Amino acid sequence: MTRERKRDIIRTVAVAVSVSILTSLSAFAGTEAENASCIETGERSYDVTKFRVPSGTRVLVVVEGFAVNGGKDTYNEEYVEDSSRWNKVRVTAYYRDSDSSSWKAKLQSAGVMGYNGMSNHRSVGKGETPIGLFRMNTPFGRRSAGEGFPSDYTEIMIADKDQYWSDDTNRLEKNADSSVQSGERLYEDWAKGIYSYVLDFGFNKNNVNKDGSALFLHCTKDGKPSTAGCVAIDTDAMAAIMRLYAKGDACIAVAPESQFGGVYDSYNETGKSPEGAFTNSEKQMGTVKTEISQ
């Protein structure tokens, strides 16, 4: 073999090794960047890979219910400073960029649930948050849409006094005639703050059997220990979920902590809760700080 031929071989090998190293470093950097864009969730009472959601789902919000520390009397108090009397939930939002991709935790927030905890057999006036796996819909709020919000976000125009959530259709409706506004009048003062940003669970889509309507994921009110059945979280976290919702279809999974076995495969188009035995947890929730990864 000539000296020139040896030199060419050495040069070719050196180039191949360099390319291999650069490729490996690039892949490593990509993985590091991807991991850096997620939050560290720690231990959860469910396996996020087991939720069977419709094709095209890009966002999954999981709500873990903890101990019921206060009933309707506590809920009716205007302000409860002692958080040991709150009905707490831990909310974690995940995102994936394709059906075959892994879920990445993008957000966590503490929140509160219904004054009677959670149930898969709720009815109107019981103060229970519905258990199940639902497709969220209808982004709206009393605040203007923020940057990155979904294109179908509806701002509630307070002065017009014509937007309400209908008890009959379980939909956001618009009618200037207040006599037909049967449901939650979203322009009224009671909705200020808590309805800054809202997403409908997708529970009981057609309000069958009067199992309940207007079951939302919305913002917390300072000192409010529970809800009438919705889940309420930090306002910044709710705005972040709105931005995630803009990226694709979103589902929400709700159950008492450690009881998601009956929820994993429970999605249905009507928004019905699953059958099975569920009980409110007696476990107290630890400290959960709001964390958001963009």
C-alpha atoms as a PDB file:
ATOM      1  CA  MET A   1       0.000   0.000   0.000  1.00  0.00           C
ATOM      2  CA  THR A   2       1.365   3.384  -0.948  1.00  0.00           C
ATOM      3  CA  ARG A   3       2.029   6.133   1.559  1.00  0.00           C
ATOM      4  CA  GLU A   4      -0.625   8.313  -0.109  1.00  0.00           C
ATOM      5  CA  ARG A   5      -3.223   5.527   0.194  1.00  0.00           C
ATOM      6  CA  LYS A   6      -2.504   5.113   3.920  1.00  0.00           C
ATOM      7  CA  ARG A   7      -2.870   8.849   4.403  1.00  0.00           C
ATOM      8  CA  ASP A   8      -6.304   8.825   2.662  1.00  0.00           C
ATOM      9  CA  ILE A   9      -7.517   5.955   4.835  1.00  0.00           C
ATOM     10  CA  ILE A  10      -6.420   7.681   8.036  1.00  0.00           C
ATOM     11  CA  ARG A  11      -8.109  10.906   6.943  1.00  0.00           C
ATOM     12  CA  THR A  12     -11.375   9.071   6.140  1.00  0.00           C
ATOM     13  CA  VAL A  13     -11.424   7.297   9.497  1.00  0.00           C
ATOM     14  CA  ALA A  14     -10.727  10.547  11.346  1.00  0.00           C
ATOM     15  CA  VAL A  15     -13.616  12.291   9.604  1.00  0.00           C
ATOM     16  CA  ALA A  16     -15.991   9.392  10.371  1.00  0.00           C
ATOM     17  CA  VAL A  17     -15.033   9.424  14.052  1.00  0.00           C
ATOM     18  CA  SER A  18     -15.539  13.188  14.237  1.00  0.00           C
ATOM     19  CA  VAL A  19     -18.986  12.946  12.675  1.00  0.00           C
ATOM     20  CA  SER A  20     -19.944  10.149  15.076  1.00  0.00           C
ATOM     21  CA  ILE A  21     -18.847  12.180  18.079  1.00  0.00           C
ATOM     22  CA  LEU A  22     -20.704  15.292  16.905  1.00  0.00           C
ATOM     23  CA  THR A  23     -23.864  13.278  16.280  1.00  0.00           C
ATOM     24  CA  SER A  24     -23.714  11.757  19.759  1.00  0.00           C
ATOM     25  CA  LEU A  25     -23.134  15.158  21.343  1.00  0.00           C
ATOM     26  CA  SER A  26     -26.054  16.623  19.409  1.00  0.00           C
ATOM     27  CA  ALA A  27     -28.373  13.831  20.514  1.00  0.00           C
ATOM     28  CA  PHE A  28     -27.220  14.241  24.107  1.00  0.00           C
ATOM     29  CA  ALA A  29     -27.782  17.999  23.950  1.00  0.00           C
ATOM     30  CA  GLY A  30     -31.273  17.428  22.538  1.00  0.00           C
ATOM     31  CA  THR A  31     -32.133  15.042  25.348  1.00  0.00           C
ATOM     32  CA  GLU A  32     -30.784  17.458  27.936  1.00  0.00           C
ATOM     33  CA  ALA A  33     -32.804  20.311  26.450  1.00  0.00           C
ATOM     34  CA  GLU A  34     -35.949  18.171  26.402  1.00  0.00           C
ATOM     35  CA  ASN A  35     -35.480  17.129  30.017  1.00  0.00           C
ATOM     36  CA  ALA A  36     -34.790  20.718  31.024  1.00  0.00           C
ATOM     37  CA  SER A  37     -38.166  21.748  29.557  1.00  0.00           C
ATOM     38  CA  CYS A  38     -40.030  19.371  31.901  1.00  0.00           C
ATOM     39  CA  ILE A  39     -40.714  19.516  35.613  1.00  0.00           C
ATOM     40  CA  GLU A  40     -39.695  16.900  38.147  1.00  0.00           C
ATOM     41  CA  THR A  41     -42.950  15.399  39.385  1.00  0.00           C
ATOM     42  CA  GLY A  42     -41.630  12.926  41.916  1.00  0.00           C
ATOM     43  CA  GLU A  43     -43.926  10.116  43.036  1.00  0.00           C
ATOM     44  CA  ARG A  44     -47.483  10.065  41.714  1.00  0.00           C
ATOM     45  CA  SER A  45     -50.380   7.733  42.581  1.00  0.00           C
ATOM     46  CA  TYR A  46     -50.914   6.729  38.937  1.00  0.00           C
ATOM     47  CA  ASP A  47     -49.011   5.559  35.869  1.00  0.00           C
ATOM     48  CA  VAL A  48     -49.413   8.228  33.188  1.00  0.00           C
ATOM     49  CA  THR A  49     -48.621   5.708  30.434  1.00  0.00           C
ATOM     50  CA  LYS A  50     -51.781   3.712  31.218  1.00  0.00           C
ATOM     51  CA  PHE A  51     -54.368   6.361  30.334  1.00  0.00           C
ATOM     52  CA  ARG A  52     -56.106   5.397  27.082  1.00  0.00           C
ATOM     53  CA  VAL A  53     -56.990   8.675  25.415  1.00  0.00           C
ATOM     54  CA  PRO A  54     -58.314   9.367  21.901  1.00  0.00           C
ATOM     55  CA  SER A  55     -55.859   9.582  19.023  1.00  0.00           C
ATOM     56  CA  GLY A  56     -54.613  13.124  18.605  1.00  0.00           C
ATOM     57  CA  THR A  57     -54.633  13.936  22.310  1.00  0.00           C
ATOM     58  CA  ARG A  58     -51.665  16.177  23.065  1.00  0.00           C
ATOM     59  CA  VAL A  59     -52.454  17.326  26.609  1.00  0.00           C
ATOM     60  CA  LEU A  60     -53.418  15.277  29.657  1.00  0.00           C
ATOM     61  CA  VAL A  61     -54.339  16.910  32.959  1.00  0.00           C
ATOM     62  CA  VAL A  62     -54.388  14.531  35.940  1.00  0.00           C
ATOM     63  CA  VAL A  63     -56.202  15.505  39.153  1.00  0.00           C
ATOM     64  CA  GLU A  64     -55.470  13.522  42.325  1.00  0.00           C
ATOM     65  CA  GLY A  65     -57.980  14.045  45.129  1.00  0.00           C
ATOM     66  CA  PHE A  66     -56.870  13.923  48.756  1.00  0.00           C
ATOM     67  CA  ALA A  67     -58.743  14.030  52.080  1.00  0.00           C
ATOM     68  CA  VAL A  68     -62.099  15.764  52.440  1.00  0.00           C
ATOM     69  CA  ASN A  69     -61.395  18.181  55.289  1.00  0.00           C
ATOM     70  CA  GLY A  70     -64.479  20.347  55.124  1.00  0.00           C
ATOM     71  CA  GLY A  71     -68.060  19.903  53.935  1.00  0.00           C
ATOM     72  CA  LYS A  72     -70.737  22.313  52.745  1.00  0.00           C
ATOM     73  CA  ASP A  73     -70.624  24.486  55.862  1.00  0.00           C
ATOM     74  CA  THR A  74     -66.912  25.087  55.324  1.00  0.00           C
ATOM     75  CA  TYR A  75     -67.495  25.756  51.625  1.00  0.00           C
ATOM     76  CA  ASN A  76     -70.086  28.405  52.501  1.00  0.00           C
ATOM     77  CA  GLU A  77     -67.557  30.361  54.547  1.00  0.00           C
ATOM     78  CA  GLU A  78     -66.309  33.362  52.608  1.00  0.00           C
ATOM     79  CA  TYR A  79     -62.669  32.943  53.651  1.00  0.00           C
ATOM     80  CA  VAL A  80     -60.920  30.009  55.352  1.00  0.00           C
ATOM     81  CA  GLU A  81     -57.348  30.807  56.314  1.00  0.00           C
ATOM     82  CA  ASP A  82     -56.598  27.399  57.849  1.00  0.00           C
ATOM     83  CA  SER A  83     -55.594  25.257  54.867  1.00  0.00           C
ATOM     84  CA  SER A  84     -56.000  22.073  56.936  1.00  0.00           C
ATOM     85  CA  ARG A  85     -59.739  22.559  56.335  1.00  0.00           C
ATOM     86  CA  TRP A  86     -59.383  22.640  52.553  1.00  0.00           C
ATOM     87  CA  ASN A  87     -60.278  19.785  50.196  1.00  0.00           C
ATOM     88  CA  LYS A  88     -57.027  19.592  48.304  1.00  0.00           C
ATOM     89  CA  VAL A  89     -56.021  18.182  44.939  1.00  0.00           C
ATOM     90  CA  ARG A  90     -52.724  17.883  43.109  1.00  0.00           C
ATOM     91  CA  VAL A  91     -52.940  18.772  39.428  1.00  0.00           C
ATOM     92  CA  THR A  92     -50.268  17.763  36.918  1.00  0.00           C
ATOM     93  CA  ALA A  93     -50.422  18.634  33.217  1.00  0.00           C
ATOM     94  CA  TYR A  94     -48.576  16.573  30.606  1.00  0.00           C
ATOM     95  CA  TYR A  95     -47.802  17.195  26.936  1.00  0.00           C
ATOM     96  CA  ARG A  96     -46.707  14.992  24.040  1.00  0.00           C
ATOM     97  CA  ASP A  97     -46.054  16.048  20.444  1.00  0.00           C
ATOM     98  CA  SER A  98     -47.376  12.836  18.847  1.00  0.00           C
ATOM     99  CA  ASP A  99     -49.415   9.755  19.769  1.00  0.00           C
ATOM    100  CA  SER A 100     -46.234   7.692  19.978  1.00  0.00           C
ATOM    101  CA  SER A 101     -44.303  10.197  22.104  1.00  0.00           C
ATOM    102  CA  SER A 102     -43.878   9.946  25.859  1.00  0.00           C
ATOM    103  CA  TRP A 103     -45.817  12.228  28.173  1.00  0.00           C
ATOM    104  CA  LYS A 104     -43.724  15.077  29.603  1.00  0.00           C
ATOM    105  CA  ALA A 105     -44.832  16.847  32.776  1.00  0.00           C
ATOM    106  CA  LYS A 106     -45.154  20.558  32.038  1.00  0.00           C
ATOM    107  CA  LEU A 107     -46.969  21.858  35.078  1.00  0.00           C
ATOM    108  CA  GLN A 108     -48.060  21.071  38.602  1.00  0.00           C
ATOM    109  CA  SER A 109     -50.286  23.027  40.952  1.00  0.00           C
ATOM    110  CA  ALA A 110     -52.153  22.551  44.190  1.00  0.00           C
ATOM    111  CA  GLY A 111     -55.884  23.125  44.013  1.00  0.00           C
ATOM    112  CA  VAL A 112     -59.236  22.334  45.585  1.00  0.00           C
ATOM    113  CA  MET A 113     -62.161  20.069  44.649  1.00  0.00           C
ATOM    114  CA  GLY A 114     -65.844  19.747  45.579  1.00  0.00           C
ATOM    115  CA  TYR A 115     -66.950  20.189  49.174  1.00  0.00           C
ATOM    116  CA  ASN A 116     -68.017  16.529  49.287  1.00  0.00           C
ATOM    117  CA  GLY A 117     -64.930  15.245  47.513  1.00  0.00           C
ATOM    118  CA  MET A 118     -65.185  13.108  44.367  1.00  0.00           C
ATOM    119  CA  SER A 119     -67.787  10.675  43.035  1.00  0.00           C
ATOM    120  CA  ASN A 120     -68.577   8.627  39.936  1.00  0.00           C
ATOM    121  CA  HIS A 121     -72.312   8.934  40.738  1.00  0.00           C
ATOM    122  CA  ARG A 122     -72.634  12.663  41.286  1.00  0.00           C
ATOM    123  CA  SER A 123     -75.870  14.594  40.932  1.00  0.00           C
ATOM    124  CA  VAL A 124     -76.834  18.249  41.013  1.00  0.00           C
ATOM    125  CA  GLY A 125     -76.321  19.938  44.363  1.00  0.00           C
ATOM    126  CA  LYS A 126     -74.133  17.236  45.909  1.00  0.00           C
ATOM    127  CA  GLY A 127     -70.889  19.231  45.749  1.00  0.00           C
ATOM    128  CA  GLU A 128     -68.940  16.338  44.258  1.00  0.00           C
ATOM    129  CA  THR A 129     -66.231  16.487  41.597  1.00  0.00           C
ATOM    130  CA  PRO A 130     -66.893  13.920  38.857  1.00  0.00           C
ATOM    131  CA  ILE A 131     -64.515  10.972  38.560  1.00  0.00           C
ATOM    132  CA  GLY A 132     -63.472   9.873  35.105  1.00  0.00           C
ATOM    133  CA  LEU A 133     -61.486  10.530  31.947  1.00  0.00           C
ATOM    134  CA  PHE A 134     -62.958  13.311  29.852  1.00  0.00           C
ATOM    135  CA  ARG A 135     -62.111  15.422  26.792  1.00  0.00           C
ATOM    136  CA  MET A 136     -61.904  19.099  27.754  1.00  0.00           C
ATOM    137  CA  ASN A 137     -63.516  21.795  25.649  1.00  0.00           C
ATOM    138  CA  THR A 138     -64.733  25.406  25.442  1.00  0.00           C
ATOM    139  CA  PRO A 139     -61.894  27.664  26.609  1.00  0.00           C
ATOM    140  CA  PHE A 140     -63.302  30.926  27.952  1.00  0.00           C
ATOM    141  CA  GLY A 141     -62.780  33.509  30.646  1.00  0.00           C
ATOM    142  CA  ARG A 142     -63.493  36.967  31.987  1.00  0.00           C
ATOM    143  CA  ARG A 143     -59.957  38.052  31.132  1.00  0.00           C
ATOM    144  CA  SER A 144     -58.708  38.731  27.631  1.00  0.00           C
ATOM    145  CA  ALA A 145     -56.857  35.957  25.834  1.00  0.00           C
ATOM    146  CA  GLY A 146     -53.153  35.877  26.622  1.00  0.00           C
ATOM    147  CA  GLU A 147     -50.304  35.173  24.243  1.00  0.00           C
ATOM    148  CA  GLY A 148     -50.395  31.594  23.019  1.00  0.00           C
ATOM    149  CA  PHE A 149     -54.036  31.029  24.028  1.00  0.00           C
ATOM    150  CA  PRO A 150     -56.293  28.847  21.843  1.00  0.00           C
ATOM    151  CA  SER A 151     -57.805  30.525  18.800  1.00  0.00           C
ATOM    152  CA  ASP A 152     -61.329  29.561  19.940  1.00  0.00           C
ATOM    153  CA  TYR A 153     -60.966  31.216  23.365  1.00  0.00           C
ATOM    154  CA  THR A 154     -64.104  33.215  24.218  1.00  0.00           C
ATOM    155  CA  GLU A 155     -63.805  36.322  26.351  1.00  0.00           C
ATOM    156  CA  ILE A 156     -66.805  36.992  28.579  1.00  0.00           C
ATOM    157  CA  MET A 157     -67.966  40.515  27.803  1.00  0.00           C
ATOM    158  CA  ILE A 158     -69.173  41.703  31.198  1.00  0.00           C
ATOM    159  CA  ALA A 159     -71.039  44.785  30.004  1.00  0.00           C
ATOM    160  CA  ASP A 160     -73.122  42.862  27.452  1.00  0.00           C
ATOM    161  CA  LYS A 161     -74.677  40.594  30.099  1.00  0.00           C
ATOM    162  CA  ASP A 162     -75.637  37.974  27.547  1.00  0.00           C
ATOM    163  CA  GLN A 163     -73.231  35.036  28.055  1.00  0.00           C
ATOM    164  CA  TYR A 164     -74.155  32.157  30.337  1.00  0.00           C
ATOM    165  CA  TRP A 165     -73.487  28.454  30.802  1.00  0.00           C
ATOM    166  CA  SER A 166     -76.752  26.684  30.148  1.00  0.00           C
ATOM    167  CA  ASP A 167     -78.105  24.100  32.581  1.00  0.00           C
ATOM    168  CA  ASP A 168     -80.171  22.693  29.737  1.00  0.00           C
ATOM    169  CA  THR A 169     -77.495  22.164  27.079  1.00  0.00           C
ATOM    170  CA  ASN A 170     -74.365  22.145  29.263  1.00  0.00           C
ATOM    171  CA  ARG A 171     -72.874  24.607  26.772  1.00  0.00           C
ATOM    172  CA  LEU A 172     -71.722  28.208  26.664  1.00  0.00           C
ATOM    173  CA  GLU A 173     -74.702  30.124  25.305  1.00  0.00           C
ATOM    174  CA  LYS A 174     -75.459  33.728  24.377  1.00  0.00           C
ATOM    175  CA  ASN A 175     -78.824  35.449  24.725  1.00  0.00           C
ATOM    176  CA  ALA A 176     -79.571  39.011  25.741  1.00  0.00           C
ATOM    177  CA  ASP A 177     -82.907  37.962  27.238  1.00  0.00           C
ATOM    178  CA  SER A 178     -82.055  37.240  30.871  1.00  0.00           C
ATOM    179  CA  SER A 179     -85.338  35.372  31.349  1.00  0.00           C
ATOM    180  CA  VAL A 180     -84.008  32.462  29.274  1.00  0.00           C
ATOM    181  CA  GLN A 181     -80.568  32.423  30.877  1.00  0.00           C
ATOM    182  CA  SER A 182     -81.063  29.223  32.875  1.00  0.00           C
ATOM    183  CA  GLY A 183     -77.666  28.406  34.360  1.00  0.00           C
ATOM    184  CA  GLU A 184     -74.559  30.307  35.391  1.00  0.00           C
ATOM    185  CA  ARG A 185     -74.579  33.934  34.298  1.00  0.00           C
ATOM    186  CA  LEU A 186     -70.889  34.372  33.649  1.00  0.00           C
ATOM    187  CA  TYR A 187     -70.978  38.170  33.709  1.00  0.00           C
ATOM    188  CA  GLU A 188     -72.178  38.376  37.313  1.00  0.00           C
ATOM    189  CA  ASP A 189     -69.859  39.514  40.120  1.00  0.00           C
ATOM    190  CA  TRP A 190     -69.675  36.097  41.840  1.00  0.00           C
ATOM    191  CA  ALA A 191     -67.690  34.767  38.841  1.00  0.00           C
ATOM    192  CA  LYS A 192     -65.007  37.452  39.108  1.00  0.00           C
ATOM    193  CA  GLY A 193     -61.552  35.946  39.669  1.00  0.00           C
ATOM    194  CA  ILE A 194     -62.528  32.270  39.668  1.00  0.00           C
ATOM    195  CA  TYR A 195     -63.613  32.443  36.036  1.00  0.00           C
ATOM    196  CA  SER A 196     -60.647  34.463  34.836  1.00  0.00           C
ATOM    197  CA  TYR A 197     -59.739  31.400  32.744  1.00  0.00           C
ATOM    198  CA  VAL A 198     -61.925  28.308  32.369  1.00  0.00           C
ATOM    199  CA  LEU A 199     -62.018  24.947  30.578  1.00  0.00           C
ATOM    200  CA  ASP A 200     -65.016  22.654  30.627  1.00  0.00           C
ATOM    201  CA  PHE A 201     -64.248  19.113  31.859  1.00  0.00           C
ATOM    202  CA  GLY A 202     -66.371  17.493  29.165  1.00  0.00           C
ATOM    203  CA  PHE A 203     -68.342  15.660  31.849  1.00  0.00           C
ATOM    204  CA  ASN A 204     -71.967  14.776  31.000  1.00  0.00           C
ATOM    205  CA  LYS A 205     -71.782  16.533  27.642  1.00  0.00           C
ATOM    206  CA  ASN A 206     -75.535  16.597  27.043  1.00  0.00           C
ATOM    207  CA  ASN A 207     -76.576  16.948  30.697  1.00  0.00           C
ATOM    208  CA  VAL A 208     -78.205  13.529  30.779  1.00  0.00           C
ATOM    209  CA  ASN A 209     -80.341  12.731  33.856  1.00  0.00           C
ATOM    210  CA  LYS A 210     -79.374  16.056  35.366  1.00  0.00           C
ATOM    211  CA  ASP A 211     -76.098  14.600  36.612  1.00  0.00           C
ATOM    212  CA  GLY A 212     -74.727  18.104  36.557  1.00  0.00           C
ATOM    213  CA  SER A 213     -73.439  20.805  34.254  1.00  0.00           C
ATOM    214  CA  ALA A 214     -70.788  23.522  34.394  1.00  0.00           C
ATOM    215  CA  LEU A 215     -68.091  21.225  35.801  1.00  0.00           C
ATOM    216  CA  PHE A 216     -64.936  23.175  35.081  1.00  0.00           C
ATOM    217  CA  LEU A 217     -61.218  23.521  35.603  1.00  0.00           C
ATOM    218  CA  HIS A 218     -60.884  27.142  36.684  1.00  0.00           C
ATOM    219  CA  CYS A 219     -58.952  29.547  38.916  1.00  0.00           C
ATOM    220  CA  THR A 220     -58.864  29.562  42.704  1.00  0.00           C
ATOM    221  CA  LYS A 221     -60.277  32.239  44.931  1.00  0.00           C
ATOM    222  CA  ASP A 222     -58.081  33.278  47.837  1.00  0.00           C
ATOM    223  CA  GLY A 223     -59.151  31.449  50.991  1.00  0.00           C
ATOM    224  CA  LYS A 224     -61.813  29.338  49.294  1.00  0.00           C
ATOM    225  CA  PRO A 225     -61.457  25.808  50.754  1.00  0.00           C
ATOM    226  CA  SER A 226     -63.440  23.864  48.136  1.00  0.00           C
ATOM    227  CA  THR A 227     -65.834  24.191  45.196  1.00  0.00           C
ATOM    228  CA  ALA A 228     -69.348  23.099  44.289  1.00  0.00           C
ATOM    229  CA  GLY A 229     -67.832  20.350  42.092  1.00  0.00           C
ATOM    230  CA  CYS A 230     -65.241  21.978  39.870  1.00  0.00           C
ATOM    231  CA  VAL A 231     -61.464  21.849  40.301  1.00  0.00           C
ATOM    232  CA  ALA A 232     -59.813  25.186  41.008  1.00  0.00           C
ATOM    233  CA  ILE A 233     -56.078  25.871  40.646  1.00  0.00           C
ATOM    234  CA  ASP A 234     -53.607  28.733  40.716  1.00  0.00           C
ATOM    235  CA  THR A 235     -54.369  31.438  38.123  1.00  0.00           C
ATOM    236  CA  ASP A 236     -50.899  31.295  36.548  1.00  0.00           C
ATOM    237  CA  ALA A 237     -51.182  27.510  36.270  1.00  0.00           C
ATOM    238  CA  MET A 238     -54.610  27.854  34.661  1.00  0.00           C
ATOM    239  CA  ALA A 239     -53.206  30.291  32.094  1.00  0.00           C
ATOM    240  CA  ALA A 240     -50.384  27.829  31.352  1.00  0.00           C
ATOM    241  CA  ILE A 241     -52.908  25.035  30.783  1.00  0.00           C
ATOM    242  CA  MET A 242     -54.714  27.327  28.340  1.00  0.00           C
ATOM    243  CA  ARG A 243     -51.478  27.639  26.363  1.00  0.00           C
ATOM    244  CA  LEU A 244     -51.030  23.859  26.389  1.00  0.00           C
ATOM    245  CA  TYR A 245     -54.647  23.403  25.291  1.00  0.00           C
ATOM    246  CA  ALA A 246     -53.862  25.524  22.236  1.00  0.00           C
ATOM    247  CA  LYS A 247     -51.409  22.842  21.055  1.00  0.00           C
ATOM    248  CA  GLY A 248     -53.970  20.079  20.543  1.00  0.00           C
ATOM    249  CA  ASP A 249     -56.785  18.007  22.001  1.00  0.00           C
ATOM    250  CA  ALA A 250     -56.777  17.788  25.792  1.00  0.00           C
ATOM    251  CA  CYS A 251     -58.154  15.269  28.280  1.00  0.00           C
ATOM    252  CA  ILE A 252     -58.554  15.425  32.036  1.00  0.00           C
ATOM    253  CA  ALA A 253     -58.359  12.415  34.386  1.00  0.00           C
ATOM    254  CA  VAL A 254     -59.921  12.785  37.826  1.00  0.00           C
ATOM    255  CA  ALA A 255     -59.933  10.354  40.762  1.00  0.00           C
ATOM    256  CA  PRO A 256     -59.074  10.070  44.448  1.00  0.00           C
ATOM    257  CA  GLU A 257     -55.341   9.476  44.819  1.00  0.00           C
ATOM    258  CA  SER A 258     -54.269   5.856  44.201  1.00  0.00           C
ATOM    259  CA  GLN A 259     -57.653   4.991  42.621  1.00  0.00           C
ATOM    260  CA  PHE A 260     -56.970   5.550  38.935  1.00  0.00           C
ATOM    261  CA  GLY A 261     -57.248   1.869  38.021  1.00  0.00           C
ATOM    262  CA  GLY A 262     -60.890   2.315  37.126  1.00  0.00           C
ATOM    263  CA  VAL A 263     -60.216   5.500  35.175  1.00  0.00           C
ATOM    264  CA  TYR A 264     -57.376   4.512  32.818  1.00  0.00           C
ATOM    265  CA  ASP A 265     -59.717   2.980  30.224  1.00  0.00           C
ATOM    266  CA  SER A 266     -62.903   4.914  31.003  1.00  0.00           C
ATOM    267  CA  TYR A 267     -62.958   7.542  28.240  1.00  0.00           C
ATOM    268  CA  ASN A 268     -66.229   7.786  26.315  1.00  0.00           C
ATOM    269  CA  GLU A 269     -67.700  10.370  23.957  1.00  0.00           C
ATOM    270  CA  THR A 270     -70.666  11.192  26.206  1.00  0.00           C
ATOM    271  CA  GLY A 271     -68.558  12.270  29.171  1.00  0.00           C
ATOM    272  CA  LYS A 272     -69.951   9.634  31.500  1.00  0.00           C
ATOM    273  CA  SER A 273     -68.183   8.630  34.701  1.00  0.00           C
ATOM    274  CA  PRO A 274     -66.989   5.004  34.982  1.00  0.00           C
ATOM    275  CA  GLU A 275     -68.749   2.387  37.046  1.00  0.00           C
ATOM    276  CA  GLY A 276     -66.925   0.774  39.953  1.00  0.00           C
ATOM    277  CA  ALA A 277     -66.160   1.428  43.581  1.00  0.00           C
ATOM    278  CA  PHE A 278     -64.420   4.688  44.479  1.00  0.00           C
ATOM    279  CA  THR A 279     -64.053   6.251  47.919  1.00  0.00           C
ATOM    280  CA  ASN A 280     -62.702   9.606  48.991  1.00  0.00           C
ATOM    281  CA  SER A 281     -59.113   9.418  50.133  1.00  0.00           C
ATOM    282  CA  GLU A 282     -58.205   9.925  53.775  1.00  0.00           C
ATOM    283  CA  LYS A 283     -54.626  10.863  52.947  1.00  0.00           C
ATOM    284  CA  GLN A 284     -53.523  14.434  53.533  1.00  0.00           C
ATOM    285  CA  MET A 285     -51.718  16.119  50.662  1.00  0.00           C
ATOM    286  CA  GLY A 286     -48.187  17.341  51.237  1.00  0.00           C
ATOM    287  CA  THR A 287     -46.835  20.667  50.058  1.00  0.00           C
ATOM    288  CA  VAL A 288     -47.274  21.194  46.324  1.00  0.00           C
ATOM    289  CA  LYS A 289     -45.680  24.267  44.786  1.00  0.00           C
ATOM    290  CA  THR A 290     -46.844  25.643  41.471  1.00  0.00           C
ATOM    291  CA  GLU A 291     -44.239  24.784  38.828  1.00  0.00           C
ATOM    292  CA  ILE A 292     -44.570  25.658  35.158  1.00  0.00           C
ATOM    293  CA  SER A 293     -42.269  24.651  32.314  1.00  0.00           C
ATOM    294  CA  GLN A 294     -42.743  26.408  28.998  1.00  0.00           C
END
